[in-house]
Structures are given as structure tokens and as C-alpha cells.
């Protein structure tokens, strides 16, 4: 039995809120306890956290859902891939793998009916 259009719209809305909210809070938490960067080298993590927060806000609003989801997937996926390249087990970081998969699912699913950026 195929899912109705209404069920798909609700599921995309819930996915968008969950992933966007998670990204915003995951970027905000380290910024709240980190000192202001004093050099370019220490500013890179700040920029990544601010980018993660921005992607989260864009996803919650449904604006530029594809690019925001892909950028979020890169922020999450690059450290995972680097760890795997250094011999870490694929399922060694289940939390990171889950976040990567839901970010990719958000990119594939799109913003849905109730998005500010829909056509």
C-alpha cells in the first residue's frame, strides 16, 4: 500500500524539524562553552559550528533544503570518513552514522509541502 501524499508531507515536515533542530543545537552547544577564537587556526571549529547552526535553521524553515542538507552531511561525514580511513570500525560511531544518514535522507526527501522555500 502506497503512502498518501498527506502522510509523506507530514513525514518530511517531521524529518525536517528533527534534523534541522538537531543540527542547530549540535552547533550551538560547543559555541556556548568555547572561548572566542584568538587565531585563524582556532576559528575553523567555530566556523564549522556556525555553519552547522545555519544549515539547521535553513532546514527547519525549508529554505535551500538540498544545499543545507548536503553541507550538513559533509560536516558530519568527513570526520567519519577520515576515521574509517584510519582503521576505525564502520559501526564504531553509530551516533555519527545515524546523523549522516538522516541528513542524506533530508537531502533526498526535500523540504515538503510546508516549507518556505517550496516552488
PDB file of N, CA and C in Angstrom:
ATOM      1  N   UNK A   1       0.840  -1.172   0.000  1.00  0.00           N
ATOM      2  CA  UNK A   1       0.000   0.000   0.000  1.00  0.00           C
ATOM      3  C   UNK A   1       0.892   1.244   0.000  1.00  0.00           C
ATOM      4  N   UNK A   2       0.630   2.112  -0.917  1.00  0.00           N
ATOM      5  CA  UNK A   2       1.423   3.328  -1.058  1.00  0.00           C
ATOM      6  C   UNK A   2       1.001   4.364  -0.014  1.00  0.00           C
ATOM      7  N   UNK A   3       1.949   5.132   0.441  1.00  0.00           N
ATOM      8  CA  UNK A   3       1.663   6.185   1.413  1.00  0.00           C
ATOM      9  C   UNK A   3       0.950   7.341   0.718  1.00  0.00           C
ATOM     10  N   UNK A   4       0.001   7.923   1.410  1.00  0.00           N
ATOM     11  CA  UNK A   4      -0.721   9.055   0.840  1.00  0.00           C
ATOM     12  C   UNK A   4       0.192  10.279   0.797  1.00  0.00           C
ATOM     13  N   UNK A   5      -0.170  11.218  -0.047  1.00  0.00           N
ATOM     14  CA  UNK A   5       0.608  12.453  -0.170  1.00  0.00           C
ATOM     15  C   UNK A   5       0.636  13.198   1.163  1.00  0.00           C
ATOM     16  N   UNK A   6      -0.464  13.165   1.896  1.00  0.00           N
ATOM     17  CA  UNK A   6      -0.536  13.839   3.186  1.00  0.00           C
ATOM     18  C   UNK A   6       0.441  13.222   4.191  1.00  0.00           C
ATOM     19  N   UNK A   7       0.534  11.889   4.220  1.00  0.00           N
ATOM     20  CA  UNK A   7       1.469  11.217   5.126  1.00  0.00           C
ATOM     21  C   UNK A   7       2.913  11.537   4.760  1.00  0.00           C
ATOM     22  N   UNK A   8       3.209  11.588   3.484  1.00  0.00           N
ATOM     23  CA  UNK A   8       4.563  11.919   3.035  1.00  0.00           C
ATOM     24  C   UNK A   8       4.907  13.363   3.429  1.00  0.00           C
ATOM     25  N   UNK A   9       3.954  14.284   3.257  1.00  0.00           N
ATOM     26  CA  UNK A   9       4.195  15.676   3.646  1.00  0.00           C
ATOM     27  C   UNK A   9       4.456  15.790   5.138  1.00  0.00           C
ATOM     28  N   UNK A  10       3.695  15.086   5.957  1.00  0.00           N
ATOM     29  CA  UNK A  10       3.901  15.122   7.409  1.00  0.00           C
ATOM     30  C   UNK A  10       5.248  14.512   7.782  1.00  0.00           C
ATOM     31  N   UNK A  11       5.612  13.419   7.116  1.00  0.00           N
ATOM     32  CA  UNK A  11       6.893  12.784   7.458  1.00  0.00           C
ATOM     33  C   UNK A  11       8.071  13.675   7.063  1.00  0.00           C
ATOM     34  N   UNK A  12       7.995  14.345   5.917  1.00  0.00           N
ATOM     35  CA  UNK A  12       9.067  15.266   5.517  1.00  0.00           C
ATOM     36  C   UNK A  12       9.145  16.457   6.468  1.00  0.00           C
ATOM     37  N   UNK A  13       7.985  16.934   6.915  1.00  0.00           N
ATOM     38  CA  UNK A  13       7.957  18.035   7.870  1.00  0.00           C
ATOM     39  C   UNK A  13       8.621  17.638   9.187  1.00  0.00           C
ATOM     40  N   UNK A  14       8.267  16.463   9.702  1.00  0.00           N
ATOM     41  CA  UNK A  14       8.849  15.982  10.964  1.00  0.00           C
ATOM     42  C   UNK A  14      10.349  15.728  10.818  1.00  0.00           C
ATOM     43  N   UNK A  15      10.756  15.139   9.697  1.00  0.00           N
ATOM     44  CA  UNK A  15      12.176  14.894   9.453  1.00  0.00           C
ATOM     45  C   UNK A  15      12.944  16.209   9.385  1.00  0.00           C
ATOM     46  N   UNK A  16      12.352  17.182   8.697  1.00  0.00           N
ATOM     47  CA  UNK A  16      12.999  18.485   8.565  1.00  0.00           C
ATOM     48  C   UNK A  16      13.166  19.160   9.922  1.00  0.00           C
ATOM     49  N   UNK A  17      12.131  19.115  10.757  1.00  0.00           N
ATOM     50  CA  UNK A  17      12.218  19.728  12.084  1.00  0.00           C
ATOM     51  C   UNK A  17      13.229  19.006  12.970  1.00  0.00           C
ATOM     52  N   UNK A  18      13.222  17.680  12.920  1.00  0.00           N
ATOM     53  CA  UNK A  18      14.128  16.909  13.774  1.00  0.00           C
ATOM     54  C   UNK A  18      15.586  17.108  13.380  1.00  0.00           C
ATOM     55  N   UNK A  19      15.882  16.976  12.107  1.00  0.00           N
ATOM     56  CA  UNK A  19      17.276  17.089  11.657  1.00  0.00           C
ATOM     57  C   UNK A  19      17.765  18.532  11.759  1.00  0.00           C
ATOM     58  N   UNK A  20      16.936  19.491  11.361  1.00  0.00           N
ATOM     59  CA  UNK A  20      17.330  20.893  11.458  1.00  0.00           C
ATOM     60  C   UNK A  20      17.512  21.337  12.903  1.00  0.00           C
ATOM     61  N   UNK A  21      16.597  20.922  13.770  1.00  0.00           N
ATOM     62  CA  UNK A  21      16.727  21.261  15.186  1.00  0.00           C
ATOM     63  C   UNK A  21      17.950  20.632  15.814  1.00  0.00           C
ATOM     64  N   UNK A  22      18.211  19.366  15.459  1.00  0.00           N
ATOM     65  CA  UNK A  22      19.395  18.682  15.970  1.00  0.00           C
ATOM     66  C   UNK A  22      20.663  19.387  15.505  1.00  0.00           C
ATOM     67  N   UNK A  23      20.704  19.779  14.246  1.00  0.00           N
ATOM     68  CA  UNK A  23      21.895  20.453  13.722  1.00  0.00           C
ATOM     69  C   UNK A  23      22.108  21.789  14.414  1.00  0.00           C
ATOM     70  N   UNK A  24      21.039  22.539  14.624  1.00  0.00           N
ATOM     71  CA  UNK A  24      21.169  23.827  15.297  1.00  0.00           C
ATOM     72  C   UNK A  24      21.711  23.653  16.715  1.00  0.00           C
ATOM     73  N   UNK A  25      21.121  22.732  17.471  1.00  0.00           N
ATOM     74  CA  UNK A  25      21.556  22.530  18.856  1.00  0.00           C
ATOM     75  C   UNK A  25      22.948  21.916  18.935  1.00  0.00           C
ATOM     76  N   UNK A  26      23.278  21.027  17.992  1.00  0.00           N
ATOM     77  CA  UNK A  26      24.610  20.423  17.984  1.00  0.00           C
ATOM     78  C   UNK A  26      25.684  21.454  17.658  1.00  0.00           C
ATOM     79  N   UNK A  27      25.359  22.461  16.882  1.00  0.00           N
ATOM     80  CA  UNK A  27      26.309  23.527  16.599  1.00  0.00           C
ATOM     81  C   UNK A  27      26.380  24.555  17.707  1.00  0.00           C
ATOM     82  N   UNK A  28      25.252  24.772  18.392  1.00  0.00           N
ATOM     83  CA  UNK A  28      25.197  25.781  19.448  1.00  0.00           C
ATOM     84  C   UNK A  28      25.927  25.341  20.715  1.00  0.00           C
ATOM     85  N   UNK A  29      25.792  24.075  21.076  1.00  0.00           N
ATOM     86  CA  UNK A  29      26.361  23.589  22.339  1.00  0.00           C
ATOM     87  C   UNK A  29      27.862  23.851  22.474  1.00  0.00           C
ATOM     88  N   UNK A  30      28.698  23.488  21.487  1.00  0.00           N
ATOM     89  CA  UNK A  30      30.135  23.757  21.642  1.00  0.00           C
ATOM     90  C   UNK A  30      30.460  25.254  21.668  1.00  0.00           C
ATOM     91  N   UNK A  31      29.666  26.067  20.968  1.00  0.00           N
ATOM     92  CA  UNK A  31      29.932  27.503  20.955  1.00  0.00           C
ATOM     93  C   UNK A  31      29.641  28.147  22.304  1.00  0.00           C
ATOM     94  N   UNK A  32      28.715  27.580  23.051  1.00  0.00           N
ATOM     95  CA  UNK A  32      28.346  28.154  24.344  1.00  0.00           C
ATOM     96  C   UNK A  32      29.453  28.007  25.379  1.00  0.00           C
ATOM     97  N   UNK A  33      30.297  26.982  25.238  1.00  0.00           N
ATOM     98  CA  UNK A  33      31.337  26.756  26.248  1.00  0.00           C
ATOM     99  C   UNK A  33      32.753  26.979  25.728  1.00  0.00           C
ATOM    100  N   UNK A  34      32.889  27.361  24.483  1.00  0.00           N
ATOM    101  CA  UNK A  34      34.224  27.586  23.909  1.00  0.00           C
ATOM    102  C   UNK A  34      34.576  29.069  23.971  1.00  0.00           C
ATOM    103  N   UNK A  35      35.833  29.379  24.246  1.00  0.00           N
ATOM    104  CA  UNK A  35      36.234  30.789  24.225  1.00  0.00           C
ATOM    105  C   UNK A  35      36.249  31.320  22.793  1.00  0.00           C
ATOM    106  N   UNK A  36      36.145  32.621  22.688  1.00  0.00           N
ATOM    107  CA  UNK A  36      36.193  33.240  21.364  1.00  0.00           C
ATOM    108  C   UNK A  36      37.546  32.951  20.732  1.00  0.00           C
ATOM    109  N   UNK A  37      37.567  32.592  19.439  1.00  0.00           N
ATOM    110  CA  UNK A  37      38.841  32.227  18.813  1.00  0.00           C
ATOM    111  C   UNK A  37      39.803  33.410  18.739  1.00  0.00           C
ATOM    112  N   UNK A  38      41.057  33.106  19.053  1.00  0.00           N
ATOM    113  CA  UNK A  38      42.091  34.136  19.044  1.00  0.00           C
ATOM    114  C   UNK A  38      42.951  34.087  17.791  1.00  0.00           C
ATOM    115  N   UNK A  39      42.830  33.014  17.019  1.00  0.00           N
ATOM    116  CA  UNK A  39      43.642  32.892  15.806  1.00  0.00           C
ATOM    117  C   UNK A  39      42.799  32.256  14.704  1.00  0.00           C
ATOM    118  N   UNK A  40      43.349  32.279  13.503  1.00  0.00           N
ATOM    119  CA  UNK A  40      42.668  31.657  12.368  1.00  0.00           C
ATOM    120  C   UNK A  40      42.507  30.157  12.612  1.00  0.00           C
ATOM    121  N   UNK A  41      43.546  29.564  13.145  1.00  0.00           N
ATOM    122  CA  UNK A  41      43.522  28.116  13.398  1.00  0.00           C
ATOM    123  C   UNK A  41      42.399  27.738  14.361  1.00  0.00           C
ATOM    124  N   UNK A  42      42.202  28.504  15.402  1.00  0.00           N
ATOM    125  CA  UNK A  42      41.145  28.189  16.362  1.00  0.00           C
ATOM    126  C   UNK A  42      39.775  28.668  15.895  1.00  0.00           C
ATOM    127  N   UNK A  43      39.717  29.455  14.814  1.00  0.00           N
ATOM    128  CA  UNK A  43      38.437  29.925  14.290  1.00  0.00           C
ATOM    129  C   UNK A  43      37.758  28.890  13.402  1.00  0.00           C
ATOM    130  N   UNK A  44      38.498  27.922  12.876  1.00  0.00           N
ATOM    131  CA  UNK A  44      37.912  26.929  11.973  1.00  0.00           C
ATOM    132  C   UNK A  44      36.804  26.122  12.655  1.00  0.00           C
ATOM    133  N   UNK A  45      37.013  25.597  13.866  1.00  0.00           N
ATOM    134  CA  UNK A  45      35.899  24.886  14.514  1.00  0.00           C
ATOM    135  C   UNK A  45      34.693  25.790  14.756  1.00  0.00           C
ATOM    136  N   UNK A  46      34.934  27.043  15.090  1.00  0.00           N
ATOM    137  CA  UNK A  46      33.822  27.969  15.277  1.00  0.00           C
ATOM    138  C   UNK A  46      33.023  28.120  13.987  1.00  0.00           C
ATOM    139  N   UNK A  47      33.727  28.296  12.876  1.00  0.00           N
ATOM    140  CA  UNK A  47      33.040  28.453  11.591  1.00  0.00           C
ATOM    141  C   UNK A  47      32.238  27.204  11.237  1.00  0.00           C
ATOM    142  N   UNK A  48      32.783  26.038  11.543  1.00  0.00           N
ATOM    143  CA  UNK A  48      32.043  24.794  11.282  1.00  0.00           C
ATOM    144  C   UNK A  48      30.778  24.725  12.132  1.00  0.00           C
ATOM    145  N   UNK A  49      30.870  25.111  13.402  1.00  0.00           N
ATOM    146  CA  UNK A  49      29.689  25.081  14.270  1.00  0.00           C
ATOM    147  C   UNK A  49      28.653  26.120  13.845  1.00  0.00           C
ATOM    148  N   UNK A  50      29.110  27.277  13.429  1.00  0.00           N
ATOM    149  CA  UNK A  50      28.181  28.308  12.950  1.00  0.00           C
ATOM    150  C   UNK A  50      27.518  27.857  11.652  1.00  0.00           C
ATOM    151  N   UNK A  51      28.268  27.216  10.760  1.00  0.00           N
ATOM    152  CA  UNK A  51      27.708  26.676   9.530  1.00  0.00           C
ATOM    153  C   UNK A  51      26.684  25.591   9.838  1.00  0.00           C
ATOM    154  N   UNK A  52      26.991  24.736  10.804  1.00  0.00           N
ATOM    155  CA  UNK A  52      26.049  23.691  11.205  1.00  0.00           C
ATOM    156  C   UNK A  52      24.754  24.311  11.738  1.00  0.00           C
ATOM    157  N   UNK A  53      24.866  25.358  12.530  1.00  0.00           N
ATOM    158  CA  UNK A  53      23.681  26.043  13.045  1.00  0.00           C
ATOM    159  C   UNK A  53      22.876  26.691  11.921  1.00  0.00           C
ATOM    160  N   UNK A  54      23.559  27.321  10.978  1.00  0.00           N
ATOM    161  CA  UNK A  54      22.882  27.960   9.852  1.00  0.00           C
ATOM    162  C   UNK A  54      22.152  26.929   9.000  1.00  0.00           C
ATOM    163  N   UNK A  55      22.809  25.805   8.739  1.00  0.00           N
ATOM    164  CA  UNK A  55      22.154  24.727   7.977  1.00  0.00           C
ATOM    165  C   UNK A  55      20.920  24.224   8.719  1.00  0.00           C
ATOM    166  N   UNK A  56      21.012  24.117  10.041  1.00  0.00           N
ATOM    167  CA  UNK A  56      19.867  23.683  10.830  1.00  0.00           C
ATOM    168  C   UNK A  56      18.698  24.643  10.719  1.00  0.00           C
ATOM    169  N   UNK A  57      18.971  25.939  10.795  1.00  0.00           N
ATOM    170  CA  UNK A  57      17.913  26.942  10.667  1.00  0.00           C
ATOM    171  C   UNK A  57      17.286  26.885   9.274  1.00  0.00           C
ATOM    172  N   UNK A  58      18.114  26.790   8.247  1.00  0.00           N
ATOM    173  CA  UNK A  58      17.595  26.704   6.874  1.00  0.00           C
ATOM    174  C   UNK A  58      16.722  25.462   6.690  1.00  0.00           C
ATOM    175  N   UNK A  59      17.129  24.355   7.298  1.00  0.00           N
ATOM    176  CA  UNK A  59      16.343  23.130   7.172  1.00  0.00           C
ATOM    177  C   UNK A  59      15.006  23.248   7.901  1.00  0.00           C
ATOM    178  N   UNK A  60      15.006  23.814   9.089  1.00  0.00           N
ATOM    179  CA  UNK A  60      13.748  23.973   9.827  1.00  0.00           C
ATOM    180  C   UNK A  60      12.782  24.849   9.030  1.00  0.00           C
ATOM    181  N   UNK A  61      13.296  25.894   8.419  1.00  0.00           N
ATOM    182  CA  UNK A  61      12.454  26.782   7.629  1.00  0.00           C
ATOM    183  C   UNK A  61      12.097  26.200   6.263  1.00  0.00           C
ATOM    184  N   UNK A  62      12.871  25.249   5.794  1.00  0.00           N
ATOM    185  CA  UNK A  62      12.629  24.672   4.479  1.00  0.00           C
ATOM    186  C   UNK A  62      13.201  25.509   3.350  1.00  0.00           C
ATOM    187  N   UNK A  63      14.221  26.293   3.646  1.00  0.00           N
ATOM    188  CA  UNK A  63      14.875  27.107   2.628  1.00  0.00           C
ATOM    189  C   UNK A  63      16.154  26.422   2.173  1.00  0.00           C
ATOM    190  N   UNK A  64      16.369  26.349   0.891  1.00  0.00           N
ATOM    191  CA  UNK A  64      17.571  25.736   0.308  1.00  0.00           C
ATOM    192  C   UNK A  64      17.864  24.393   0.966  1.00  0.00           C
ATOM    193  N   UNK A  65      16.849  23.568   1.010  1.00  0.00           N
ATOM    194  CA  UNK A  65      16.923  22.299   1.732  1.00  0.00           C
ATOM    195  C   UNK A  65      18.037  21.393   1.190  1.00  0.00           C
ATOM    196  N   UNK A  66      18.152  21.281  -0.117  1.00  0.00           N
ATOM    197  CA  UNK A  66      19.174  20.416  -0.704  1.00  0.00           C
ATOM    198  C   UNK A  66      20.588  20.836  -0.329  1.00  0.00           C
ATOM    199  N   UNK A  67      20.968  22.080  -0.612  1.00  0.00           N
ATOM    200  CA  UNK A  67      22.322  22.503  -0.240  1.00  0.00           C
ATOM    201  C   UNK A  67      22.586  22.447   1.265  1.00  0.00           C
ATOM    202  N   UNK A  68      21.600  22.848   2.066  1.00  0.00           N
ATOM    203  CA  UNK A  68      21.802  22.817   3.519  1.00  0.00           C
ATOM    204  C   UNK A  68      22.003  21.388   4.009  1.00  0.00           C
ATOM    205  N   UNK A  69      21.235  20.437   3.469  1.00  0.00           N
ATOM    206  CA  UNK A  69      21.374  19.039   3.882  1.00  0.00           C
ATOM    207  C   UNK A  69      22.703  18.453   3.445  1.00  0.00           C
ATOM    208  N   UNK A  70      23.139  18.788   2.241  1.00  0.00           N
ATOM    209  CA  UNK A  70      24.413  18.268   1.740  1.00  0.00           C
ATOM    210  C   UNK A  70      25.580  18.840   2.542  1.00  0.00           C
ATOM    211  N   UNK A  71      25.539  20.135   2.840  1.00  0.00           N
ATOM    212  CA  UNK A  71      26.609  20.739   3.649  1.00  0.00           C
ATOM    213  C   UNK A  71      26.633  20.112   5.034  1.00  0.00           C
ATOM    214  N   UNK A  72      25.455  19.900   5.615  1.00  0.00           N
ATOM    215  CA  UNK A  72      25.384  19.247   6.923  1.00  0.00           C
ATOM    216  C   UNK A  72      25.931  17.822   6.851  1.00  0.00           C
ATOM    217  N   UNK A  73      25.594  17.097   5.783  1.00  0.00           N
ATOM    218  CA  UNK A  73      26.120  15.736   5.612  1.00  0.00           C
ATOM    219  C   UNK A  73      27.642  15.748   5.481  1.00  0.00           C
ATOM    220  N   UNK A  74      28.189  16.758   4.836  1.00  0.00           N
ATOM    221  CA  UNK A  74      29.650  16.861   4.726  1.00  0.00           C
ATOM    222  C   UNK A  74      30.291  17.167   6.076  1.00  0.00           C
ATOM    223  N   UNK A  75      29.671  18.066   6.850  1.00  0.00           N
ATOM    224  CA  UNK A  75      30.209  18.393   8.166  1.00  0.00           C
ATOM    225  C   UNK A  75      30.232  17.160   9.060  1.00  0.00           C
ATOM    226  N   UNK A  76      29.215  16.327   8.935  1.00  0.00           N
ATOM    227  CA  UNK A  76      29.127  15.108   9.742  1.00  0.00           C
ATOM    228  C   UNK A  76      29.966  13.987   9.125  1.00  0.00           C
ATOM    229  N   UNK A  77      29.930  13.866   7.806  1.00  0.00           N
ATOM    230  CA  UNK A  77      30.516  12.717   7.133  1.00  0.00           C
ATOM    231  C   UNK A  77      32.015  12.739   6.956  1.00  0.00           C
ATOM    232  N   UNK A  78      32.610  13.913   6.799  1.00  0.00           N
ATOM    233  CA  UNK A  78      34.058  13.978   6.576  1.00  0.00           C
ATOM    234  C   UNK A  78      34.830  13.425   7.777  1.00  0.00           C
ATOM    235  N   UNK A  79      34.505  13.816   9.027  1.00  0.00           N
ATOM    236  CA  UNK A  79      35.230  13.198  10.150  1.00  0.00           C
ATOM    237  C   UNK A  79      35.000  11.690  10.253  1.00  0.00           C
ATOM    238  N   UNK A  80      33.794  11.238   9.904  1.00  0.00           N
ATOM    239  CA  UNK A  80      33.533   9.789   9.903  1.00  0.00           C
ATOM    240  C   UNK A  80      34.404   9.084   8.876  1.00  0.00           C
ATOM    241  N   UNK A  81      34.456   9.630   7.667  1.00  0.00           N
ATOM    242  CA  UNK A  81      35.250   9.008   6.607  1.00  0.00           C
ATOM    243  C   UNK A  81      36.740   9.018   6.947  1.00  0.00           C
ATOM    244  N   UNK A  82      37.208  10.104   7.552  1.00  0.00           N
ATOM    245  CA  UNK A  82      38.621  10.155   7.952  1.00  0.00           C
ATOM    246  C   UNK A  82      38.923   9.109   9.029  1.00  0.00           C
ATOM    247  N   UNK A  83      37.998   8.924   9.957  1.00  0.00           N
ATOM    248  CA  UNK A  83      38.187   7.897  10.988  1.00  0.00           C
ATOM    249  C   UNK A  83      38.189   6.507  10.368  1.00  0.00           C
ATOM    250  N   UNK A  84      37.292   6.279   9.404  1.00  0.00           N
ATOM    251  CA  UNK A  84      37.253   4.971   8.731  1.00  0.00           C
ATOM    252  C   UNK A  84      38.542   4.731   7.956  1.00  0.00           C
ATOM    253  N   UNK A  85      39.076   5.781   7.338  1.00  0.00           N
ATOM    254  CA  UNK A  85      40.320   5.644   6.585  1.00  0.00           C
ATOM    255  C   UNK A  85      41.499   5.308   7.498  1.00  0.00           C
ATOM    256  N   UNK A  86      41.393   5.699   8.766  1.00  0.00           N
ATOM    257  CA  UNK A  86      42.464   5.402   9.721  1.00  0.00           C
ATOM    258  C   UNK A  86      42.226   4.088  10.456  1.00  0.00           C
ATOM    259  N   UNK A  87      41.218   3.330  10.029  1.00  0.00           N
ATOM    260  CA  UNK A  87      41.005   1.998  10.581  1.00  0.00           C
ATOM    261  C   UNK A  87      39.906   1.872  11.609  1.00  0.00           C
ATOM    262  N   UNK A  88      39.155   2.920  11.864  1.00  0.00           N
ATOM    263  CA  UNK A  88      38.048   2.817  12.819  1.00  0.00           C
ATOM    264  C   UNK A  88      36.963   1.912  12.239  1.00  0.00           C
ATOM    265  N   UNK A  89      36.269   1.153  13.074  1.00  0.00           N
ATOM    266  CA  UNK A  89      35.193   0.302  12.556  1.00  0.00           C
ATOM    267  C   UNK A  89      34.046   1.151  12.011  1.00  0.00           C
ATOM    268  N   UNK A  90      33.404   0.670  10.963  1.00  0.00           N
ATOM    269  CA  UNK A  90      32.322   1.413  10.315  1.00  0.00           C
ATOM    270  C   UNK A  90      31.193   1.685  11.298  1.00  0.00           C
ATOM    271  N   UNK A  91      30.877   0.704  12.131  1.00  0.00           N
ATOM    272  CA  UNK A  91      29.800   0.879  13.099  1.00  0.00           C
ATOM    273  C   UNK A  91      30.330   1.292  14.474  1.00  0.00           C
ATOM    274  N   UNK A  92      31.532   1.836  14.520  1.00  0.00           N
ATOM    275  CA  UNK A  92      32.127   2.264  15.777  1.00  0.00           C
ATOM    276  C   UNK A  92      31.516   3.555  16.313  1.00  0.00           C
ATOM    277  N   UNK A  93      30.971   4.374  15.439  1.00  0.00           N
ATOM    278  CA  UNK A  93      30.325   5.625  15.832  1.00  0.00           C
ATOM    279  C   UNK A  93      28.902   5.604  15.281  1.00  0.00           C
ATOM    280  N   UNK A  94      28.012   4.876  15.954  1.00  0.00           N
ATOM    281  CA  UNK A  94      26.649   4.733  15.464  1.00  0.00           C
ATOM    282  C   UNK A  94      25.896   6.056  15.473  1.00  0.00           C
ATOM    283  N   UNK A  95      26.177   6.888  16.445  1.00  0.00           N
ATOM    284  CA  UNK A  95      25.504   8.192  16.513  1.00  0.00           C
ATOM    285  C   UNK A  95      25.855   9.039  15.279  1.00  0.00           C
ATOM    286  N   UNK A  96      27.131   9.113  14.949  1.00  0.00           N
ATOM    287  CA  UNK A  96      27.556   9.872  13.778  1.00  0.00           C
ATOM    288  C   UNK A  96      27.009   9.290  12.487  1.00  0.00           C
ATOM    289  N   UNK A  97      26.992   7.974  12.391  1.00  0.00           N
ATOM    290  CA  UNK A  97      26.452   7.316  11.199  1.00  0.00           C
ATOM    291  C   UNK A  97      24.957   7.602  11.056  1.00  0.00           C
ATOM    292  N   UNK A  98      24.230   7.561  12.172  1.00  0.00           N
ATOM    293  CA  UNK A  98      22.802   7.870  12.143  1.00  0.00           C
ATOM    294  C   UNK A  98      22.571   9.308  11.683  1.00  0.00           C
ATOM    295  N   UNK A  99      23.339  10.253  12.226  1.00  0.00           N
ATOM    296  CA  UNK A  99      23.187  11.651  11.832  1.00  0.00           C
ATOM    297  C   UNK A  99      23.493  11.851  10.352  1.00  0.00           C
ATOM    298  N   UNK A 100      24.498  11.161   9.860  1.00  0.00           N
ATOM    299  CA  UNK A 100      24.825  11.238   8.438  1.00  0.00           C
ATOM    300  C   UNK A 100      23.673  10.719   7.587  1.00  0.00           C
ATOM    301  N   UNK A 101      23.100   9.604   7.975  1.00  0.00           N
ATOM    302  CA  UNK A 101      22.012   9.014   7.190  1.00  0.00           C
ATOM    303  C   UNK A 101      20.756   9.876   7.196  1.00  0.00           C
ATOM    304  N   UNK A 102      20.403  10.468   8.337  1.00  0.00           N
ATOM    305  CA  UNK A 102      19.196  11.312   8.344  1.00  0.00           C
ATOM    306  C   UNK A 102      19.442  12.623   7.595  1.00  0.00           C
ATOM    307  N   UNK A 103      20.669  13.133   7.595  1.00  0.00           N
ATOM    308  CA  UNK A 103      20.972  14.324   6.797  1.00  0.00           C
ATOM    309  C   UNK A 103      20.846  14.005   5.310  1.00  0.00           C
ATOM    310  N   UNK A 104      21.329  12.835   4.903  1.00  0.00           N
ATOM    311  CA  UNK A 104      21.188  12.430   3.499  1.00  0.00           C
ATOM    312  C   UNK A 104      19.729  12.162   3.145  1.00  0.00           C
ATOM    313  N   UNK A 105      18.968  11.579   4.065  1.00  0.00           N
ATOM    314  CA  UNK A 105      17.538  11.355   3.825  1.00  0.00           C
ATOM    315  C   UNK A 105      16.805  12.683   3.653  1.00  0.00           C
ATOM    316  N   UNK A 106      17.208  13.685   4.413  1.00  0.00           N
ATOM    317  CA  UNK A 106      16.602  15.011   4.275  1.00  0.00           C
ATOM    318  C   UNK A 106      16.921  15.615   2.907  1.00  0.00           C
ATOM    319  N   UNK A 107      18.135  15.408   2.444  1.00  0.00           N
ATOM    320  CA  UNK A 107      18.508  15.916   1.117  1.00  0.00           C
ATOM    321  C   UNK A 107      17.707  15.219   0.027  1.00  0.00           C
ATOM    322  N   UNK A 108      17.522  13.921   0.174  1.00  0.00           N
ATOM    323  CA  UNK A 108      16.774  13.172  -0.839  1.00  0.00           C
ATOM    324  C   UNK A 108      15.281  13.471  -0.797  1.00  0.00           C
ATOM    325  N   UNK A 109      14.735  13.618   0.411  1.00  0.00           N
ATOM    326  CA  UNK A 109      13.298  13.842   0.551  1.00  0.00           C
ATOM    327  C   UNK A 109      12.861  15.242   0.187  1.00  0.00           C
ATOM    328  N   UNK A 110      13.721  16.199   0.404  1.00  0.00           N
ATOM    329  CA  UNK A 110      13.354  17.575   0.116  1.00  0.00           C
ATOM    330  C   UNK A 110      12.623  18.214   1.285  1.00  0.00           C
ATOM    331  N   UNK A 111      12.164  19.423   1.066  1.00  0.00           N
ATOM    332  CA  UNK A 111      11.554  20.214   2.134  1.00  0.00           C
ATOM    333  C   UNK A 111      10.090  19.846   2.385  1.00  0.00           C
ATOM    334  N   UNK A 112       9.414  19.354   1.393  1.00  0.00           N
ATOM    335  CA  UNK A 112       7.999  19.006   1.571  1.00  0.00           C
ATOM    336  C   UNK A 112       7.079  20.189   1.312  1.00  0.00           C
ATOM    337  N   UNK A 113       5.809  19.937   1.603  1.00  0.00           N
ATOM    338  CA  UNK A 113       4.750  20.902   1.280  1.00  0.00           C
ATOM    339  C   UNK A 113       4.813  22.156   2.142  1.00  0.00           C
ATOM    340  N   UNK A 114       5.134  21.999   3.419  1.00  0.00           N
ATOM    341  CA  UNK A 114       5.088  23.115   4.364  1.00  0.00           C
ATOM    342  C   UNK A 114       6.457  23.727   4.565  1.00  0.00           C
ATOM    343  N   UNK A 115       7.038  24.210   3.507  1.00  0.00           N
ATOM    344  CA  UNK A 115       8.355  24.828   3.562  1.00  0.00           C
ATOM    345  C   UNK A 115       8.283  26.238   2.987  1.00  0.00           C
ATOM    346  N   UNK A 116       9.088  27.133   3.507  1.00  0.00           N
ATOM    347  CA  UNK A 116       9.114  28.496   2.980  1.00  0.00           C
ATOM    348  C   UNK A 116       9.716  28.556   1.583  1.00  0.00           C
ATOM    349  N   UNK A 117      10.612  27.628   1.278  1.00  0.00           N
ATOM    350  CA  UNK A 117      11.312  27.670   0.009  1.00  0.00           C
ATOM    351  C   UNK A 117      10.734  26.792  -1.070  1.00  0.00           C
ATOM    352  N   UNK A 118       9.494  26.328  -0.897  1.00  0.00           N
ATOM    353  CA  UNK A 118       8.940  25.439  -1.937  1.00  0.00           C
ATOM    354  C   UNK A 118       8.504  26.246  -3.149  1.00  0.00           C
ATOM    355  N   UNK A 119       8.521  25.581  -4.287  1.00  0.00           N
ATOM    356  CA  UNK A 119       8.193  26.260  -5.544  1.00  0.00           C
ATOM    357  C   UNK A 119       6.697  26.328  -5.737  1.00  0.00           C
TER     358      UNK A 119
END
